[in-house]
Amino acid sequence: QIGVNLFFAVLHMTKEDQIERLKARDGGRYGSSDGLAKIYDVFEPATDDEPNALHVLVTKDMSREDVIEKILRLVNLQLT
C-alpha cells in the first residue's frame, strides 16, 4: 500500500497551447510538437471520480512556478 496521501497531479493543457509552449522552448527544431499532437489524443484529463488524482488545468500564460503553486493548493484542499 502506497498510502492515502499520495496524489497524482494530472496536468492538462489545450493541444494548441502545448504546441505553442514546446515551440517556444525548442524553437521548433526537434519536431517535439508533432509527437505531442499524436499523444494528446490518447490521454484525457483526470476526472472527479478518480481518487487522489488532481486535475490541473495549465494555461499558456502560467509559469512553471504558477503550476507548482496550483498543484500545492489542490493538494492542501484535499488534505483538509
C-alpha atoms as a PDB file:
ATOM      1  CA  GLN A   1       0.000   0.000   0.000  1.00  0.00           C
ATOM      2  CA  ILE A   2       1.437   3.316  -1.053  1.00  0.00           C
ATOM      3  CA  GLY A   3      -0.709   5.469   1.220  1.00  0.00           C
ATOM      4  CA  VAL A   4      -3.765   7.650   1.300  1.00  0.00           C
ATOM      5  CA  ASN A   5      -1.747  10.852   0.972  1.00  0.00           C
ATOM      6  CA  LEU A   6      -0.347  10.003  -2.454  1.00  0.00           C
ATOM      7  CA  PHE A   7      -1.684  12.289  -5.162  1.00  0.00           C
ATOM      8  CA  PHE A   8      -1.285  12.216  -8.920  1.00  0.00           C
ATOM      9  CA  ALA A   9      -1.179  15.658 -10.484  1.00  0.00           C
ATOM     10  CA  VAL A  10      -2.562  15.211 -13.989  1.00  0.00           C
ATOM     11  CA  LEU A  11      -1.565  18.279 -15.979  1.00  0.00           C
ATOM     12  CA  HIS A  12      -3.893  19.271 -18.792  1.00  0.00           C
ATOM     13  CA  MET A  13      -3.395  21.934 -21.408  1.00  0.00           C
ATOM     14  CA  THR A  14      -5.078  22.509 -24.747  1.00  0.00           C
ATOM     15  CA  LYS A  15      -3.299  20.956 -27.707  1.00  0.00           C
ATOM     16  CA  GLU A  16      -2.720  24.378 -29.243  1.00  0.00           C
ATOM     17  CA  ASP A  17      -1.193  25.773 -26.035  1.00  0.00           C
ATOM     18  CA  GLN A  18       1.059  22.705 -25.672  1.00  0.00           C
ATOM     19  CA  ILE A  19       2.370  23.071 -29.213  1.00  0.00           C
ATOM     20  CA  GLU A  20       2.965  26.795 -28.728  1.00  0.00           C
ATOM     21  CA  ARG A  21       4.797  26.196 -25.444  1.00  0.00           C
ATOM     22  CA  LEU A  22       7.024  23.488 -26.925  1.00  0.00           C
ATOM     23  CA  LYS A  23       7.895  25.574 -29.955  1.00  0.00           C
ATOM     24  CA  ALA A  24       8.892  28.424 -27.646  1.00  0.00           C
ATOM     25  CA  ARG A  25      11.187  26.057 -25.707  1.00  0.00           C
ATOM     26  CA  ASP A  26      12.914  24.265 -28.583  1.00  0.00           C
ATOM     27  CA  GLY A  27      12.386  26.738 -31.378  1.00  0.00           C
ATOM     28  CA  GLY A  28      10.588  24.095 -33.424  1.00  0.00           C
ATOM     29  CA  ARG A  29      13.930  22.425 -34.200  1.00  0.00           C
ATOM     30  CA  TYR A  30      13.202  18.998 -32.783  1.00  0.00           C
ATOM     31  CA  GLY A  31       9.689  18.316 -34.008  1.00  0.00           C
ATOM     32  CA  SER A  32       8.547  17.589 -30.456  1.00  0.00           C
ATOM     33  CA  SER A  33       5.196  19.238 -31.119  1.00  0.00           C
ATOM     34  CA  ASP A  34       4.400  16.696 -33.847  1.00  0.00           C
ATOM     35  CA  GLY A  35       4.728  13.737 -31.493  1.00  0.00           C
ATOM     36  CA  LEU A  36       2.877  15.533 -28.736  1.00  0.00           C
ATOM     37  CA  ALA A  37      -0.070  16.239 -31.012  1.00  0.00           C
ATOM     38  CA  LYS A  38      -0.476  12.496 -31.583  1.00  0.00           C
ATOM     39  CA  ILE A  39      -0.107  11.645 -27.890  1.00  0.00           C
ATOM     40  CA  TYR A  40      -2.579  14.350 -26.870  1.00  0.00           C
ATOM     41  CA  ASP A  41      -5.452  12.442 -28.476  1.00  0.00           C
ATOM     42  CA  VAL A  42      -4.686   9.284 -26.465  1.00  0.00           C
ATOM     43  CA  PHE A  43      -4.762  10.736 -22.939  1.00  0.00           C
ATOM     44  CA  GLU A  44      -7.533  12.524 -21.082  1.00  0.00           C
ATOM     45  CA  PRO A  45      -7.727  14.801 -18.036  1.00  0.00           C
ATOM     46  CA  ALA A  46      -8.315  13.386 -14.573  1.00  0.00           C
ATOM     47  CA  THR A  47     -11.955  13.291 -13.531  1.00  0.00           C
ATOM     48  CA  ASP A  48     -13.652  13.919 -10.198  1.00  0.00           C
ATOM     49  CA  ASP A  49     -14.375  10.216  -9.695  1.00  0.00           C
ATOM     50  CA  GLU A  50     -10.672   9.272  -9.664  1.00  0.00           C
ATOM     51  CA  PRO A  51      -9.445   9.203  -6.069  1.00  0.00           C
ATOM     52  CA  ASN A  52      -6.252  11.138  -5.400  1.00  0.00           C
ATOM     53  CA  ALA A  53      -5.994  12.335  -8.992  1.00  0.00           C
ATOM     54  CA  LEU A  54      -5.793  16.093  -9.227  1.00  0.00           C
ATOM     55  CA  HIS A  55      -6.905  17.711 -12.470  1.00  0.00           C
ATOM     56  CA  VAL A  56      -4.545  20.622 -13.035  1.00  0.00           C
ATOM     57  CA  LEU A  57      -5.553  22.872 -15.899  1.00  0.00           C
ATOM     58  CA  VAL A  58      -2.458  24.691 -17.176  1.00  0.00           C
ATOM     59  CA  THR A  59      -2.943  27.790 -19.291  1.00  0.00           C
ATOM     60  CA  LYS A  60      -0.404  29.231 -21.699  1.00  0.00           C
ATOM     61  CA  ASP A  61       0.194  32.265 -19.522  1.00  0.00           C
ATOM     62  CA  MET A  62       1.191  30.190 -16.455  1.00  0.00           C
ATOM     63  CA  SER A  63       4.833  29.894 -15.467  1.00  0.00           C
ATOM     64  CA  ARG A  64       6.336  26.714 -14.035  1.00  0.00           C
ATOM     65  CA  GLU A  65       6.089  28.295 -10.599  1.00  0.00           C
ATOM     66  CA  ASP A  66       2.399  29.053 -11.166  1.00  0.00           C
ATOM     67  CA  VAL A  67       1.773  25.391 -11.989  1.00  0.00           C
ATOM     68  CA  ILE A  68       3.585  24.227  -8.852  1.00  0.00           C
ATOM     69  CA  GLU A  69       1.612  26.670  -6.699  1.00  0.00           C
ATOM     70  CA  LYS A  70      -1.655  25.439  -8.199  1.00  0.00           C
ATOM     71  CA  ILE A  71      -0.731  21.808  -7.511  1.00  0.00           C
ATOM     72  CA  LEU A  72       0.190  22.602  -3.908  1.00  0.00           C
ATOM     73  CA  ARG A  73      -3.124  24.455  -3.405  1.00  0.00           C
ATOM     74  CA  LEU A  74      -5.059  21.472  -4.761  1.00  0.00           C
ATOM     75  CA  VAL A  75      -3.161  19.037  -2.544  1.00  0.00           C
ATOM     76  CA  ASN A  76      -3.776  21.207   0.504  1.00  0.00           C
ATOM     77  CA  LEU A  77      -7.503  21.314  -0.292  1.00  0.00           C
ATOM     78  CA  GLN A  78      -7.574  17.520  -0.444  1.00  0.00           C
ATOM     79  CA  LEU A  79      -5.789  17.189   2.895  1.00  0.00           C
ATOM     80  CA  THR A  80      -8.180  19.491   4.751  1.00  0.00           C
END
